[in-house]
Structure formats: structure tokens, C-alpha cells
Amino acid sequence: MNWLWAIIVGLVLGLIARAVIPGKQHIPIWLTALCGILGGMLGNGAAGWLGVADTRGIDWTRHVLQLIGAVLVVLVADRVWNTMRGRRARSARQRM
């Protein structure tokens, strides 16, 4: 059941990250969820490193770090995705 929560939270984090980033991102929804999962893991690691992973009440600092991680991963994924898609389109045009 943990994997299901990871997918749900990752999707929510990825969608929020895409909403925060100005402009349009051209990555599919499955990659958005994957970026959210990776960003959440990055944020959890940073929270553990900073010593704020487990606090009483709501872990606002950890959640903000997760969102920052998701934003960074979405930015990188969008750039890589567009580069890969551009190369495919160019190579297909060159074959014609």
C-alpha cells in the first residue's frame, strides 16, 4: 500500500510543481508523477540532513523541501524531455 501513496503524493507534488513553474511544461502525466516521487524523496533526504524530518505536528519544513525538490526535478525532466523529443523530430525529418 505504500507504493500507492507514493504514486498519489508524487502526482500531487508533480502537479503543484508544474503549477508553480512559469510557462508550460511538455512532459506527460506519468513523468510528472515520477518527478513528484523523486522530488519527494529528495525533500525527505534534505529534511533528514537538516534534522527536521520528524517534528511534532505538521512537518511544514519537510513538505516545502519536498515541493522544492519536485520543482527542481520537473525543471530538469522538462528540459531533458524536450531535448529528446526534439532530437527524434529532427532525425525523422532528416530521413525523409
C-alpha atoms as a PDB file:
ATOM      1  CA  MET A   1       0.000   0.000   0.000  1.00  0.00           C
ATOM      2  CA  ASN A   2       2.967   2.346   0.494  1.00  0.00           C
ATOM      3  CA  TRP A   3       3.688   2.348  -3.227  1.00  0.00           C
ATOM      4  CA  LEU A   4       0.125   3.559  -3.907  1.00  0.00           C
ATOM      5  CA  TRP A   5       0.573   6.503  -1.515  1.00  0.00           C
ATOM      6  CA  ALA A   6       3.938   7.262  -3.098  1.00  0.00           C
ATOM      7  CA  ILE A   7       2.276   7.469  -6.528  1.00  0.00           C
ATOM      8  CA  ILE A   8      -0.610   9.625  -5.267  1.00  0.00           C
ATOM      9  CA  VAL A   9       1.613  12.020  -3.310  1.00  0.00           C
ATOM     10  CA  GLY A  10       4.122  12.090  -6.179  1.00  0.00           C
ATOM     11  CA  LEU A  11       1.389  13.014  -8.639  1.00  0.00           C
ATOM     12  CA  VAL A  12       0.104  15.785  -6.365  1.00  0.00           C
ATOM     13  CA  LEU A  13       3.639  17.126  -5.785  1.00  0.00           C
ATOM     14  CA  GLY A  14       4.386  16.981  -9.513  1.00  0.00           C
ATOM     15  CA  LEU A  15       1.179  18.809 -10.416  1.00  0.00           C
ATOM     16  CA  ILE A  16       1.808  21.516  -7.814  1.00  0.00           C
ATOM     17  CA  ALA A  17       5.392  21.855  -9.075  1.00  0.00           C
ATOM     18  CA  ARG A  18       4.135  22.269 -12.640  1.00  0.00           C
ATOM     19  CA  ALA A  19       1.655  24.913 -11.467  1.00  0.00           C
ATOM     20  CA  VAL A  20       4.384  26.850  -9.644  1.00  0.00           C
ATOM     21  CA  ILE A  21       6.802  26.875 -12.596  1.00  0.00           C
ATOM     22  CA  PRO A  22       6.016  29.680 -15.053  1.00  0.00           C
ATOM     23  CA  GLY A  23       5.227  28.636 -18.601  1.00  0.00           C
ATOM     24  CA  LYS A  24       4.038  25.331 -19.983  1.00  0.00           C
ATOM     25  CA  GLN A  25       5.828  22.076 -19.348  1.00  0.00           C
ATOM     26  CA  HIS A  26       5.581  19.491 -22.097  1.00  0.00           C
ATOM     27  CA  ILE A  27       6.044  16.328 -20.030  1.00  0.00           C
ATOM     28  CA  PRO A  28       3.409  13.590 -19.831  1.00  0.00           C
ATOM     29  CA  ILE A  29       1.422  12.907 -16.658  1.00  0.00           C
ATOM     30  CA  TRP A  30       3.319   9.697 -15.855  1.00  0.00           C
ATOM     31  CA  LEU A  31       6.588  11.637 -15.904  1.00  0.00           C
ATOM     32  CA  THR A  32       5.003  14.331 -13.721  1.00  0.00           C
ATOM     33  CA  ALA A  33       4.154  11.678 -11.121  1.00  0.00           C
ATOM     34  CA  LEU A  34       7.657  10.208 -11.340  1.00  0.00           C
ATOM     35  CA  CYS A  35       9.177  13.679 -10.891  1.00  0.00           C
ATOM     36  CA  GLY A  36       6.962  14.239  -7.867  1.00  0.00           C
ATOM     37  CA  ILE A  37       8.070  10.943  -6.334  1.00  0.00           C
ATOM     38  CA  LEU A  38      11.736  11.752  -6.927  1.00  0.00           C
ATOM     39  CA  GLY A  39      11.276  15.301  -5.647  1.00  0.00           C
ATOM     40  CA  GLY A  40       9.592  13.982  -2.517  1.00  0.00           C
ATOM     41  CA  MET A  41      12.480  11.624  -1.906  1.00  0.00           C
ATOM     42  CA  LEU A  42      14.937  14.488  -2.431  1.00  0.00           C
ATOM     43  CA  GLY A  43      12.989  16.661   0.000  1.00  0.00           C
ATOM     44  CA  ASN A  44      12.856  13.895   2.604  1.00  0.00           C
ATOM     45  CA  GLY A  45      16.598  13.399   2.293  1.00  0.00           C
ATOM     46  CA  ALA A  46      17.240  17.107   2.699  1.00  0.00           C
ATOM     47  CA  ALA A  47      14.913  17.246   5.710  1.00  0.00           C
ATOM     48  CA  GLY A  48      16.770  14.356   7.315  1.00  0.00           C
ATOM     49  CA  TRP A  49      20.087  16.013   6.610  1.00  0.00           C
ATOM     50  CA  LEU A  50      18.851  19.280   8.148  1.00  0.00           C
ATOM     51  CA  GLY A  51      17.359  17.439  11.134  1.00  0.00           C
ATOM     52  CA  VAL A  52      13.754  18.486  10.519  1.00  0.00           C
ATOM     53  CA  ALA A  53      12.370  15.215   9.176  1.00  0.00           C
ATOM     54  CA  ASP A  54      10.401  14.313  12.317  1.00  0.00           C
ATOM     55  CA  THR A  55       8.792  17.133  14.226  1.00  0.00           C
ATOM     56  CA  ARG A  56       5.658  17.389  16.319  1.00  0.00           C
ATOM     57  CA  GLY A  57       2.608  18.383  14.348  1.00  0.00           C
ATOM     58  CA  ILE A  58       2.689  19.020  10.633  1.00  0.00           C
ATOM     59  CA  ASP A  59       6.147  18.874   9.094  1.00  0.00           C
ATOM     60  CA  TRP A  60       5.869  22.094   7.079  1.00  0.00           C
ATOM     61  CA  THR A  61       9.598  22.363   6.500  1.00  0.00           C
ATOM     62  CA  ARG A  62       9.752  18.830   5.115  1.00  0.00           C
ATOM     63  CA  HIS A  63       6.776  19.475   2.840  1.00  0.00           C
ATOM     64  CA  VAL A  64       8.293  22.686   1.494  1.00  0.00           C
ATOM     65  CA  LEU A  65      11.575  20.857   0.847  1.00  0.00           C
ATOM     66  CA  GLN A  66       9.650  18.117  -0.979  1.00  0.00           C
ATOM     67  CA  LEU A  67       7.973  20.722  -3.171  1.00  0.00           C
ATOM     68  CA  ILE A  68      11.297  22.423  -3.908  1.00  0.00           C
ATOM     69  CA  GLY A  69      12.737  19.040  -4.850  1.00  0.00           C
ATOM     70  CA  ALA A  70       9.768  18.339  -7.126  1.00  0.00           C
ATOM     71  CA  VAL A  71      10.134  21.733  -8.828  1.00  0.00           C
ATOM     72  CA  LEU A  72      13.815  21.074  -9.496  1.00  0.00           C
ATOM     73  CA  VAL A  73      13.169  17.582 -10.853  1.00  0.00           C
ATOM     74  CA  VAL A  74      10.292  18.795 -13.074  1.00  0.00           C
ATOM     75  CA  LEU A  75      12.503  21.549 -14.499  1.00  0.00           C
ATOM     76  CA  VAL A  76      15.255  19.068 -15.355  1.00  0.00           C
ATOM     77  CA  ALA A  77      12.817  16.477 -16.701  1.00  0.00           C
ATOM     78  CA  ASP A  78      11.076  19.033 -18.910  1.00  0.00           C
ATOM     79  CA  ARG A  79      14.396  20.160 -20.374  1.00  0.00           C
ATOM     80  CA  VAL A  80      15.530  16.552 -20.993  1.00  0.00           C
ATOM     81  CA  TRP A  81      12.124  15.523 -22.385  1.00  0.00           C
ATOM     82  CA  ASN A  82      12.074  18.438 -24.832  1.00  0.00           C
ATOM     83  CA  THR A  83      15.641  17.724 -25.914  1.00  0.00           C
ATOM     84  CA  MET A  84      14.844  14.056 -26.546  1.00  0.00           C
ATOM     85  CA  ARG A  85      11.621  14.849 -28.389  1.00  0.00           C
ATOM     86  CA  GLY A  86      13.395  17.488 -30.488  1.00  0.00           C
ATOM     87  CA  ARG A  87      16.092  15.048 -31.499  1.00  0.00           C
ATOM     88  CA  ARG A  88      13.510  12.470 -32.528  1.00  0.00           C
ATOM     89  CA  ALA A  89      11.610  15.002 -34.622  1.00  0.00           C
ATOM     90  CA  ARG A  90      14.793  16.266 -36.305  1.00  0.00           C
ATOM     91  CA  SER A  91      16.050  12.756 -37.095  1.00  0.00           C
ATOM     92  CA  ALA A  92      12.670  11.795 -38.546  1.00  0.00           C
ATOM     93  CA  ARG A  93      12.688  14.886 -40.783  1.00  0.00           C
ATOM     94  CA  GLN A  94      16.229  14.153 -41.944  1.00  0.00           C
ATOM     95  CA  ARG A  95      15.236  10.625 -43.041  1.00  0.00           C
ATOM     96  CA  MET A  96      12.513  11.968 -45.333  1.00  0.00           C
END
